[in-house]
């Protein structure tokens, strides 16, 4: 998937974070991932 992040209204204040959720057989409600924000 892809998460769109913004911290203001300007174009330079937005980025996208591509991610892939791990397969989780425990069906956890919270998943933590490390990602790099891309413009």
Protein backbone atom coordinates (compact mmCIF):
# COMPACT_ATOMS: atom_id res chain seq x y z
CA UNK A 1 0.00 0.00 0.00
CA UNK A 2 0.92 3.64 0.15
CA UNK A 3 0.41 6.15 2.95
CA UNK A 4 0.18 9.84 2.08
CA UNK A 5 1.59 12.11 4.80
CA UNK A 6 1.17 15.88 5.09
CA UNK A 7 2.23 18.32 7.81
CA UNK A 8 1.09 21.52 6.07
CA UNK A 9 -0.68 22.82 2.97
CA UNK A 10 2.35 23.30 0.71
CA UNK A 11 3.49 20.75 -1.88
CA UNK A 12 6.88 20.55 -0.12
CA UNK A 13 5.06 19.50 3.06
CA UNK A 14 3.75 16.23 1.65
CA UNK A 15 5.21 12.87 0.86
CA UNK A 16 4.28 9.25 0.30
CA UNK A 17 5.35 6.22 2.27
CA UNK A 18 5.18 2.92 0.43
CA UNK A 19 4.59 -0.03 2.75
CA UNK A 20 3.79 -3.70 2.82
CA UNK A 21 2.08 -5.15 5.86
CA UNK A 22 3.54 -8.42 7.04
CA UNK A 23 1.34 -11.48 7.01
CA UNK A 24 0.24 -11.88 10.59
CA UNK A 25 -1.60 -14.99 11.69
CA UNK A 26 -2.25 -13.48 15.14
CA UNK A 27 -4.43 -10.73 13.57
CA UNK A 28 -2.82 -7.98 15.68
CA UNK A 29 -4.57 -4.59 15.70
CA UNK A 30 -1.28 -2.61 15.67
CA UNK A 31 1.62 -3.19 13.29
CA UNK A 32 4.80 -1.10 13.50
CA UNK A 33 6.94 -0.65 10.39
CA UNK A 34 9.97 1.46 9.48
CA UNK A 35 9.61 3.41 6.24
CA UNK A 36 11.18 6.30 4.33
CA UNK A 37 9.04 9.19 3.18
CA UNK A 38 9.36 9.85 -0.58
CA UNK A 39 8.36 12.97 -2.47
